């Protein structure tokens, strides 16, 4: 006599029950995902919509203060990004390919600015580059003033954002197949040609991701900048500082408009990178 649990009806019932349970699980997962996506996206949508609908965005774009801060932000972030690539890429290569004593400590030090509160980063920069800082005397002899200047803005942006590029570049370079590099060496490629024509193109997706994250972090930098460079209109007042200054001054609409410009700029870069694909951003195979 066949066991009741093995009858076609019992099998069909168990299958239907499992399907219902699976359906509930999928719907619950989708609901949680949608809820958290709404939490992340809704404030940004409301911010931009408010700036557009009340006309403050158009007014802010024509404001000399906002235009000056936006120009300063774009220039300083471009310079800090260039500095990060010039000095950060060799460091990432060493961290990815070399083994040496104290490497773990060095990795921790490089990553530390990511988790430091921005105000702490600004204070640390003041203790090194300030008028009474560690390097105050050499800079004074050279007649160089760093704090509360545009140079201070660039240094603050570089300090807090460079680790994002270094981490991403290190991961990308470490993932490059060493056999491909060895094959290029056999074909007569120099180390410079090897790096430009093999390593960089193969790691380009990670490098591009690191560049975007670094630029976005520089653009939004606030705490270290206000501590180390101040909030001087036309010299150190970047767009995030305009958002803060207008809010403190009681002009909520101007603060919202400046914040919306930041959101649109950052979002535009992220969309552009995805449209043109990560790997093509830094495809250096056409370099001589």
C-alpha atoms as a PDB file:
ATOM      1  CA  UNK A   1       0.000   0.000   0.000  1.00  0.00           C
ATOM      2  CA  UNK A   2       1.455   3.347  -1.050  1.00  0.00           C
ATOM      3  CA  UNK A   3       2.315   5.791   1.714  1.00  0.00           C
ATOM      4  CA  UNK A   4      -0.149   8.708   1.818  1.00  0.00           C
ATOM      5  CA  UNK A   5       2.759  11.141   1.857  1.00  0.00           C
ATOM      6  CA  UNK A   6       3.817   9.814  -1.534  1.00  0.00           C
ATOM      7  CA  UNK A   7       0.490  10.200  -3.326  1.00  0.00           C
ATOM      8  CA  UNK A   8       0.267  12.650  -6.216  1.00  0.00           C
ATOM      9  CA  UNK A   9      -2.145  14.805  -4.223  1.00  0.00           C
ATOM     10  CA  UNK A  10       0.274  15.033  -1.289  1.00  0.00           C
ATOM     11  CA  UNK A  11       3.196  15.890  -3.562  1.00  0.00           C
ATOM     12  CA  UNK A  12       1.136  18.571  -5.325  1.00  0.00           C
ATOM     13  CA  UNK A  13       0.061  20.017  -1.972  1.00  0.00           C
ATOM     14  CA  UNK A  14       3.631  20.175  -0.696  1.00  0.00           C
ATOM     15  CA  UNK A  15       4.781  21.809  -3.937  1.00  0.00           C
ATOM     16  CA  UNK A  16       1.996  24.427  -3.713  1.00  0.00           C
ATOM     17  CA  UNK A  17       2.845  25.121  -0.061  1.00  0.00           C
ATOM     18  CA  UNK A  18       6.527  25.598  -0.868  1.00  0.00           C
ATOM     19  CA  UNK A  19       5.612  27.854  -3.766  1.00  0.00           C
ATOM     20  CA  UNK A  20       3.414  30.025  -1.534  1.00  0.00           C
ATOM     21  CA  UNK A  21       6.201  30.243   1.065  1.00  0.00           C
ATOM     22  CA  UNK A  22       8.703  31.148  -1.630  1.00  0.00           C
ATOM     23  CA  UNK A  23       6.296  33.770  -2.991  1.00  0.00           C
ATOM     24  CA  UNK A  24       5.895  35.344   0.440  1.00  0.00           C
ATOM     25  CA  UNK A  25       9.654  35.344   0.899  1.00  0.00           C
ATOM     26  CA  UNK A  26      10.267  37.028  -2.440  1.00  0.00           C
ATOM     27  CA  UNK A  27       7.602  39.640  -1.790  1.00  0.00           C
ATOM     28  CA  UNK A  28       9.011  40.361   1.664  1.00  0.00           C
ATOM     29  CA  UNK A  29      12.494  40.729   0.232  1.00  0.00           C
ATOM     30  CA  UNK A  30      11.217  43.045  -2.510  1.00  0.00           C
ATOM     31  CA  UNK A  31       9.295  45.124   0.044  1.00  0.00           C
ATOM     32  CA  UNK A  32      12.357  45.545   2.259  1.00  0.00           C
ATOM     33  CA  UNK A  33      14.510  46.451  -0.730  1.00  0.00           C
ATOM     34  CA  UNK A  34      11.951  48.988  -1.970  1.00  0.00           C
ATOM     35  CA  UNK A  35      11.567  50.497   1.495  1.00  0.00           C
ATOM     36  CA  UNK A  36      15.299  51.035   1.945  1.00  0.00           C
ATOM     37  CA  UNK A  37      15.715  52.336  -1.606  1.00  0.00           C
ATOM     38  CA  UNK A  38      12.925  54.810  -0.846  1.00  0.00           C
ATOM     39  CA  UNK A  39      14.704  55.837   2.351  1.00  0.00           C
ATOM     40  CA  UNK A  40      17.926  56.505   0.412  1.00  0.00           C
ATOM     41  CA  UNK A  41      16.375  58.193  -2.589  1.00  0.00           C
ATOM     42  CA  UNK A  42      13.375  60.138  -1.280  1.00  0.00           C
ATOM     43  CA  UNK A  43      15.297  62.875   0.606  1.00  0.00           C
ATOM     44  CA  UNK A  44      17.413  63.589  -2.478  1.00  0.00           C
ATOM     45  CA  UNK A  45      14.376  63.689  -4.775  1.00  0.00           C
ATOM     46  CA  UNK A  46      12.525  66.017  -2.398  1.00  0.00           C
ATOM     47  CA  UNK A  47      15.561  68.296  -2.117  1.00  0.00           C
ATOM     48  CA  UNK A  48      16.014  68.672  -5.871  1.00  0.00           C
ATOM     49  CA  UNK A  49      12.264  68.936  -6.495  1.00  0.00           C
ATOM     50  CA  UNK A  50      11.942  71.690  -3.888  1.00  0.00           C
ATOM     51  CA  UNK A  51      14.792  73.659  -5.468  1.00  0.00           C
ATOM     52  CA  UNK A  52      13.302  73.302  -8.961  1.00  0.00           C
ATOM     53  CA  UNK A  53       9.641  73.932  -8.128  1.00  0.00           C
ATOM     54  CA  UNK A  54      10.134  77.066  -6.035  1.00  0.00           C
ATOM     55  CA  UNK A  55      12.532  78.593  -8.573  1.00  0.00           C
ATOM     56  CA  UNK A  56      15.426  78.877  -6.125  1.00  0.00           C
ATOM     57  CA  UNK A  57      17.642  76.695  -8.315  1.00  0.00           C
ATOM     58  CA  UNK A  58      17.453  79.158 -11.202  1.00  0.00           C
ATOM     59  CA  UNK A  59      18.104  82.048  -8.831  1.00  0.00           C
ATOM     60  CA  UNK A  60      21.090  80.274  -7.276  1.00  0.00           C
ATOM     61  CA  UNK A  61      22.665  79.511 -10.630  1.00  0.00           C
ATOM     62  CA  UNK A  62      22.702  83.243 -11.364  1.00  0.00           C
ATOM     63  CA  UNK A  63      24.074  84.134  -7.929  1.00  0.00           C
ATOM     64  CA  UNK A  64      27.724  85.353  -7.939  1.00  0.00           C
ATOM     65  CA  UNK A  65      28.321  83.646  -4.584  1.00  0.00           C
ATOM     66  CA  UNK A  66      27.098  80.266  -5.793  1.00  0.00           C
ATOM     67  CA  UNK A  67      28.853  80.574  -9.155  1.00  0.00           C
ATOM     68  CA  UNK A  68      32.106  81.508  -7.446  1.00  0.00           C
ATOM     69  CA  UNK A  69      31.816  78.615  -4.999  1.00  0.00           C
ATOM     70  CA  UNK A  70      30.936  76.196  -7.801  1.00  0.00           C
ATOM     71  CA  UNK A  71      33.921  77.332  -9.886  1.00  0.00           C
ATOM     72  CA  UNK A  72      36.229  77.019  -6.887  1.00  0.00           C
ATOM     73  CA  UNK A  73      34.864  73.546  -6.125  1.00  0.00           C
ATOM     74  CA  UNK A  74      35.381  72.343  -9.693  1.00  0.00           C
ATOM     75  CA  UNK A  75      38.916  73.737  -9.910  1.00  0.00           C
ATOM     76  CA  UNK A  76      40.067  72.482  -6.512  1.00  0.00           C
ATOM     77  CA  UNK A  77      38.542  69.026  -6.963  1.00  0.00           C
ATOM     78  CA  UNK A  78      40.215  68.706 -10.372  1.00  0.00           C
ATOM     79  CA  UNK A  79      43.593  69.623  -8.872  1.00  0.00           C
ATOM     80  CA  UNK A  80      43.150  67.316  -5.877  1.00  0.00           C
ATOM     81  CA  UNK A  81      42.147  64.494  -8.217  1.00  0.00           C
ATOM     82  CA  UNK A  82      45.260  65.033 -10.344  1.00  0.00           C
ATOM     83  CA  UNK A  83      47.452  65.009  -7.225  1.00  0.00           C
ATOM     84  CA  UNK A  84      45.779  61.822  -6.044  1.00  0.00           C
ATOM     85  CA  UNK A  85      46.414  60.037  -9.350  1.00  0.00           C
ATOM     86  CA  UNK A  86      50.039  61.207  -9.656  1.00  0.00           C
ATOM     87  CA  UNK A  87      50.987  60.138  -6.151  1.00  0.00           C
ATOM     88  CA  UNK A  88      48.312  57.580  -5.334  1.00  0.00           C
ATOM     89  CA  UNK A  89      48.722  55.317  -8.358  1.00  0.00           C
ATOM     90  CA  UNK A  90      52.391  54.459  -7.611  1.00  0.00           C
ATOM     91  CA  UNK A  91      51.464  53.890  -3.968  1.00  0.00           C
ATOM     92  CA  UNK A  92      48.589  51.602  -4.982  1.00  0.00           C
ATOM     93  CA  UNK A  93      50.931  49.676  -7.292  1.00  0.00           C
ATOM     94  CA  UNK A  94      53.461  49.166  -4.499  1.00  0.00           C
ATOM     95  CA  UNK A  95      50.743  48.066  -2.094  1.00  0.00           C
ATOM     96  CA  UNK A  96      49.352  45.610  -4.653  1.00  0.00           C
ATOM     97  CA  UNK A  97      52.610  44.063  -5.843  1.00  0.00           C
ATOM     98  CA  UNK A  98      55.173  44.331  -3.057  1.00  0.00           C
ATOM     99  CA  UNK A  99      55.504  42.509   0.232  1.00  0.00           C
ATOM    100  CA  UNK A 100      57.399  44.286   3.014  1.00  0.00           C
ATOM    101  CA  UNK A 101      57.485  44.595   6.768  1.00  0.00           C
ATOM    102  CA  UNK A 102      54.828  46.923   8.142  1.00  0.00           C
ATOM    103  CA  UNK A 103      52.603  46.691   5.059  1.00  0.00           C
ATOM    104  CA  UNK A 104      49.518  46.056   7.190  1.00  0.00           C
ATOM    105  CA  UNK A 105      50.211  49.140   9.277  1.00  0.00           C
ATOM    106  CA  UNK A 106      50.707  51.221   6.161  1.00  0.00           C
ATOM    107  CA  UNK A 107      47.385  50.000   4.737  1.00  0.00           C
ATOM    108  CA  UNK A 108      45.664  50.962   7.986  1.00  0.00           C
ATOM    109  CA  UNK A 109      47.211  54.438   7.915  1.00  0.00           C
ATOM    110  CA  UNK A 110      46.160  54.960   4.291  1.00  0.00           C
ATOM    111  CA  UNK A 111      42.586  53.903   5.067  1.00  0.00           C
ATOM    112  CA  UNK A 112      42.355  55.929   8.280  1.00  0.00           C
ATOM    113  CA  UNK A 113      41.102  59.205   6.693  1.00  0.00           C
ATOM    114  CA  UNK A 114      38.042  57.301   5.434  1.00  0.00           C
ATOM    115  CA  UNK A 115      36.811  56.627   8.965  1.00  0.00           C
ATOM    116  CA  UNK A 116      38.120  59.773  10.667  1.00  0.00           C
ATOM    117  CA  UNK A 117      35.544  62.492  11.413  1.00  0.00           C
ATOM    118  CA  UNK A 118      36.230  65.334   8.935  1.00  0.00           C
ATOM    119  CA  UNK A 119      36.759  67.827  11.765  1.00  0.00           C
ATOM    120  CA  UNK A 120      39.518  65.605  13.146  1.00  0.00           C
ATOM    121  CA  UNK A 121      41.131  65.489   9.705  1.00  0.00           C
ATOM    122  CA  UNK A 122      41.048  69.298   9.521  1.00  0.00           C
ATOM    123  CA  UNK A 123      42.579  69.633  12.974  1.00  0.00           C
ATOM    124  CA  UNK A 124      45.316  67.132  12.083  1.00  0.00           C
ATOM    125  CA  UNK A 125      46.153  69.123   8.943  1.00  0.00           C
ATOM    126  CA  UNK A 126      46.365  72.307  11.017  1.00  0.00           C
ATOM    127  CA  UNK A 127      48.837  70.641  13.391  1.00  0.00           C
ATOM    128  CA  UNK A 128      51.124  69.872  10.432  1.00  0.00           C
ATOM    129  CA  UNK A 129      50.623  72.789   8.034  1.00  0.00           C
ATOM    130  CA  UNK A 130      49.253  75.484  10.383  1.00  0.00           C
ATOM    131  CA  UNK A 131      51.061  78.638  11.452  1.00  0.00           C
ATOM    132  CA  UNK A 132      52.169  76.832  14.621  1.00  0.00           C
ATOM    133  CA  UNK A 133      52.277  73.396  13.053  1.00  0.00           C
ATOM    134  CA  UNK A 134      55.070  70.928  12.506  1.00  0.00           C
ATOM    135  CA  UNK A 135      56.077  72.415   9.156  1.00  0.00           C
ATOM    136  CA  UNK A 136      55.349  76.045  10.059  1.00  0.00           C
ATOM    137  CA  UNK A 137      59.007  77.129  10.152  1.00  0.00           C
ATOM    138  CA  UNK A 138      60.057  75.763   6.722  1.00  0.00           C
ATOM    139  CA  UNK A 139      56.939  77.278   5.129  1.00  0.00           C
ATOM    140  CA  UNK A 140      57.588  80.601   6.865  1.00  0.00           C
ATOM    141  CA  UNK A 141      61.143  80.677   5.532  1.00  0.00           C
ATOM    142  CA  UNK A 142      59.823  80.015   2.020  1.00  0.00           C
ATOM    143  CA  UNK A 143      57.121  82.645   2.472  1.00  0.00           C
ATOM    144  CA  UNK A 144      54.322  80.120   1.956  1.00  0.00           C
ATOM    145  CA  UNK A 145      51.056  80.407   3.859  1.00  0.00           C
ATOM    146  CA  UNK A 146      48.902  77.289   3.691  1.00  0.00           C
ATOM    147  CA  UNK A 147      46.019  77.580   6.198  1.00  0.00           C
ATOM    148  CA  UNK A 148      42.950  79.540   5.109  1.00  0.00           C
ATOM    149  CA  UNK A 149      44.022  79.611   1.486  1.00  0.00           C
ATOM    150  CA  UNK A 150      42.932  77.781  -1.660  1.00  0.00           C
ATOM    151  CA  UNK A 151      45.932  75.490  -1.187  1.00  0.00           C
ATOM    152  CA  UNK A 152      44.442  74.410   2.127  1.00  0.00           C
ATOM    153  CA  UNK A 153      41.186  73.521   0.371  1.00  0.00           C
ATOM    154  CA  UNK A 154      43.065  71.301  -2.082  1.00  0.00           C
ATOM    155  CA  UNK A 155      45.058  69.615   0.685  1.00  0.00           C
ATOM    156  CA  UNK A 156      41.916  68.949   2.729  1.00  0.00           C
ATOM    157  CA  UNK A 157      40.113  67.462  -0.261  1.00  0.00           C
ATOM    158  CA  UNK A 158      43.096  65.312  -1.183  1.00  0.00           C
ATOM    159  CA  UNK A 159      43.589  64.074   2.379  1.00  0.00           C
ATOM    160  CA  UNK A 160      40.021  62.847   2.854  1.00  0.00           C
ATOM    161  CA  UNK A 161      39.402  61.525  -0.675  1.00  0.00           C
ATOM    162  CA  UNK A 162      42.683  59.939  -1.817  1.00  0.00           C
ATOM    163  CA  UNK A 163      42.194  56.700   0.157  1.00  0.00           C
ATOM    164  CA  UNK A 164      39.137  55.870  -1.980  1.00  0.00           C
ATOM    165  CA  UNK A 165      41.240  55.899  -5.149  1.00  0.00           C
ATOM    166  CA  UNK A 166      44.176  54.085  -3.560  1.00  0.00           C
ATOM    167  CA  UNK A 167      41.948  51.298  -2.230  1.00  0.00           C
ATOM    168  CA  UNK A 168      40.179  50.826  -5.553  1.00  0.00           C
ATOM    169  CA  UNK A 169      43.377  51.013  -7.607  1.00  0.00           C
ATOM    170  CA  UNK A 170      45.140  48.561  -5.304  1.00  0.00           C
ATOM    171  CA  UNK A 171      42.333  46.057  -5.721  1.00  0.00           C
ATOM    172  CA  UNK A 172      42.250  46.474  -9.500  1.00  0.00           C
ATOM    173  CA  UNK A 173      46.008  46.146  -9.967  1.00  0.00           C
ATOM    174  CA  UNK A 174      46.185  43.113  -7.673  1.00  0.00           C
ATOM    175  CA  UNK A 175      43.526  41.409  -9.802  1.00  0.00           C
ATOM    176  CA  UNK A 176      45.511  41.746 -13.060  1.00  0.00           C
ATOM    177  CA  UNK A 177      46.756  38.374 -14.321  1.00  0.00           C
ATOM    178  CA  UNK A 178      50.536  38.291 -13.818  1.00  0.00           C
ATOM    179  CA  UNK A 179      50.900  35.779 -16.663  1.00  0.00           C
ATOM    180  CA  UNK A 180      49.725  38.416 -19.150  1.00  0.00           C
ATOM    181  CA  UNK A 181      52.347  40.818 -17.856  1.00  0.00           C
ATOM    182  CA  UNK A 182      55.040  38.124 -18.100  1.00  0.00           C
ATOM    183  CA  UNK A 183      53.986  37.442 -21.692  1.00  0.00           C
ATOM    184  CA  UNK A 184      54.374  41.145 -22.487  1.00  0.00           C
ATOM    185  CA  UNK A 185      57.857  41.113 -20.969  1.00  0.00           C
ATOM    186  CA  UNK A 186      58.799  38.144 -23.140  1.00  0.00           C
ATOM    187  CA  UNK A 187      57.634  40.135 -26.166  1.00  0.00           C
ATOM    188  CA  UNK A 188      60.085  42.864 -25.230  1.00  0.00           C
ATOM    189  CA  UNK A 189      57.862  45.385 -23.449  1.00  0.00           C
ATOM    190  CA  UNK A 190      59.599  47.667 -20.975  1.00  0.00           C
ATOM    191  CA  UNK A 191      58.176  48.083 -17.473  1.00  0.00           C
ATOM    192  CA  UNK A 192      56.787  51.477 -18.447  1.00  0.00           C
ATOM    193  CA  UNK A 193      55.128  50.102 -21.576  1.00  0.00           C
ATOM    194  CA  UNK A 194      53.867  47.140 -19.582  1.00  0.00           C
ATOM    195  CA  UNK A 195      52.242  49.390 -17.005  1.00  0.00           C
ATOM    196  CA  UNK A 196      50.631  51.710 -19.565  1.00  0.00           C
ATOM    197  CA  UNK A 197      49.545  49.113 -22.103  1.00  0.00           C
ATOM    198  CA  UNK A 198      48.679  46.083 -19.982  1.00  0.00           C
ATOM    199  CA  UNK A 199      48.264  46.813 -16.264  1.00  0.00           C
ATOM    200  CA  UNK A 200      46.319  50.072 -16.480  1.00  0.00           C
ATOM    201  CA  UNK A 201      43.858  48.927 -19.188  1.00  0.00           C
ATOM    202  CA  UNK A 202      43.123  45.675 -17.349  1.00  0.00           C
ATOM    203  CA  UNK A 203      42.609  47.525 -14.067  1.00  0.00           C
ATOM    204  CA  UNK A 204      40.774  50.429 -15.705  1.00  0.00           C
ATOM    205  CA  UNK A 205      37.343  49.571 -14.290  1.00  0.00           C
ATOM    206  CA  UNK A 206      38.645  49.708 -10.723  1.00  0.00           C
ATOM    207  CA  UNK A 207      40.671  52.843 -11.452  1.00  0.00           C
ATOM    208  CA  UNK A 208      37.653  54.601 -12.946  1.00  0.00           C
ATOM    209  CA  UNK A 209      35.481  53.629  -9.988  1.00  0.00           C
ATOM    210  CA  UNK A 210      38.137  54.973  -7.634  1.00  0.00           C
ATOM    211  CA  UNK A 211      38.371  58.234  -9.584  1.00  0.00           C
ATOM    212  CA  UNK A 212      34.632  58.801  -9.428  1.00  0.00           C
ATOM    213  CA  UNK A 213      34.424  58.055  -5.707  1.00  0.00           C
ATOM    214  CA  UNK A 214      37.435  60.282  -5.048  1.00  0.00           C
ATOM    215  CA  UNK A 215      36.021  63.191  -7.017  1.00  0.00           C
ATOM    216  CA  UNK A 216      32.602  62.859  -5.381  1.00  0.00           C
ATOM    217  CA  UNK A 217      34.183  62.787  -1.914  1.00  0.00           C
ATOM    218  CA  UNK A 218      36.271  65.870  -2.753  1.00  0.00           C
ATOM    219  CA  UNK A 219      33.242  67.737  -4.079  1.00  0.00           C
ATOM    220  CA  UNK A 220      31.278  67.070  -0.900  1.00  0.00           C
ATOM    221  CA  UNK A 221      34.119  67.744   1.535  1.00  0.00           C
ATOM    222  CA  UNK A 222      33.076  70.092   4.323  1.00  0.00           C
ATOM    223  CA  UNK A 223      34.436  69.416   7.811  1.00  0.00           C
ATOM    224  CA  UNK A 224      38.171  69.321   7.110  1.00  0.00           C
ATOM    225  CA  UNK A 225      37.857  72.302   4.776  1.00  0.00           C
ATOM    226  CA  UNK A 226      36.115  74.585   7.246  1.00  0.00           C
ATOM    227  CA  UNK A 227      38.587  73.633   9.993  1.00  0.00           C
ATOM    228  CA  UNK A 228      41.740  73.974   7.900  1.00  0.00           C
ATOM    229  CA  UNK A 229      40.817  76.467   5.172  1.00  0.00           C
ATOM    230  CA  UNK A 230      37.962  78.434   6.700  1.00  0.00           C
ATOM    231  CA  UNK A 231      34.928  79.806   4.904  1.00  0.00           C
ATOM    232  CA  UNK A 232      36.268  82.819   3.015  1.00  0.00           C
ATOM    233  CA  UNK A 233      34.152  83.867   0.057  1.00  0.00           C
ATOM    234  CA  UNK A 234      36.055  83.757  -3.223  1.00  0.00           C
ATOM    235  CA  UNK A 235      39.072  82.013  -1.718  1.00  0.00           C
ATOM    236  CA  UNK A 236      38.093  78.971   0.340  1.00  0.00           C
ATOM    237  CA  UNK A 237      34.283  78.913   0.185  1.00  0.00           C
ATOM    238  CA  UNK A 238      33.384  75.787  -1.765  1.00  0.00           C
ATOM    239  CA  UNK A 239      29.819  74.817  -2.581  1.00  0.00           C
ATOM    240  CA  UNK A 240      29.262  72.678   0.568  1.00  0.00           C
ATOM    241  CA  UNK A 241      30.311  75.672   2.640  1.00  0.00           C
ATOM    242  CA  UNK A 242      27.769  77.840   0.811  1.00  0.00           C
ATOM    243  CA  UNK A 243      25.079  75.315   1.783  1.00  0.00           C
ATOM    244  CA  UNK A 244      26.147  75.592   5.414  1.00  0.00           C
ATOM    245  CA  UNK A 245      26.601  79.369   5.358  1.00  0.00           C
ATOM    246  CA  UNK A 246      23.214  80.079   3.779  1.00  0.00           C
ATOM    247  CA  UNK A 247      21.506  77.706   6.207  1.00  0.00           C
ATOM    248  CA  UNK A 248      23.193  79.370   9.176  1.00  0.00           C
ATOM    249  CA  UNK A 249      22.227  82.765   7.801  1.00  0.00           C
ATOM    250  CA  UNK A 250      18.564  81.782   7.670  1.00  0.00           C
ATOM    251  CA  UNK A 251      18.206  81.630   3.867  1.00  0.00           C
ATOM    252  CA  UNK A 252      16.804  78.128   3.561  1.00  0.00           C
ATOM    253  CA  UNK A 253      15.927  78.438  -0.135  1.00  0.00           C
ATOM    254  CA  UNK A 254      19.469  79.448  -1.087  1.00  0.00           C
ATOM    255  CA  UNK A 255      20.855  76.580   0.995  1.00  0.00           C
ATOM    256  CA  UNK A 256      18.517  74.097  -0.692  1.00  0.00           C
ATOM    257  CA  UNK A 257      19.406  75.414  -4.156  1.00  0.00           C
ATOM    258  CA  UNK A 258      23.154  75.132  -3.525  1.00  0.00           C
ATOM    259  CA  UNK A 259      22.664  71.612  -2.184  1.00  0.00           C
ATOM    260  CA  UNK A 260      20.621  70.694  -5.272  1.00  0.00           C
ATOM    261  CA  UNK A 261      23.451  71.864  -7.524  1.00  0.00           C
ATOM    262  CA  UNK A 262      25.826  69.558  -5.641  1.00  0.00           C
ATOM    263  CA  UNK A 263      23.422  66.640  -6.018  1.00  0.00           C
ATOM    264  CA  UNK A 264      22.924  67.241  -9.743  1.00  0.00           C
ATOM    265  CA  UNK A 265      26.669  67.557 -10.381  1.00  0.00           C
ATOM    266  CA  UNK A 266      27.513  64.357  -8.509  1.00  0.00           C
ATOM    267  CA  UNK A 267      24.604  62.446 -10.023  1.00  0.00           C
ATOM    268  CA  UNK A 268      25.555  63.592 -13.518  1.00  0.00           C
ATOM    269  CA  UNK A 269      29.074  62.215 -13.163  1.00  0.00           C
ATOM    270  CA  UNK A 270      27.837  58.877 -11.826  1.00  0.00           C
ATOM    271  CA  UNK A 271      25.354  58.526 -14.686  1.00  0.00           C
ATOM    272  CA  UNK A 272      27.967  59.500 -17.292  1.00  0.00           C
ATOM    273  CA  UNK A 273      30.403  56.881 -16.012  1.00  0.00           C
ATOM    274  CA  UNK A 274      27.750  54.181 -16.201  1.00  0.00           C
ATOM    275  CA  UNK A 275      26.634  55.243 -19.677  1.00  0.00           C
ATOM    276  CA  UNK A 276      30.169  55.188 -21.075  1.00  0.00           C
ATOM    277  CA  UNK A 277      31.160  52.112 -19.010  1.00  0.00           C
ATOM    278  CA  UNK A 278      33.811  51.924 -16.285  1.00  0.00           C
ATOM    279  CA  UNK A 279      36.569  50.415 -18.372  1.00  0.00           C
ATOM    280  CA  UNK A 280      36.517  52.981 -21.157  1.00  0.00           C
ATOM    281  CA  UNK A 281      37.083  55.894 -18.793  1.00  0.00           C
ATOM    282  CA  UNK A 282      40.755  55.084 -18.342  1.00  0.00           C
ATOM    283  CA  UNK A 283      41.483  52.948 -21.376  1.00  0.00           C
ATOM    284  CA  UNK A 284      45.141  53.775 -21.946  1.00  0.00           C
ATOM    285  CA  UNK A 285      45.889  51.210 -24.643  1.00  0.00           C
ATOM    286  CA  UNK A 286      46.010  53.945 -27.247  1.00  0.00           C
ATOM    287  CA  UNK A 287      48.802  55.783 -25.458  1.00  0.00           C
ATOM    288  CA  UNK A 288      52.212  55.696 -27.055  1.00  0.00           C
END
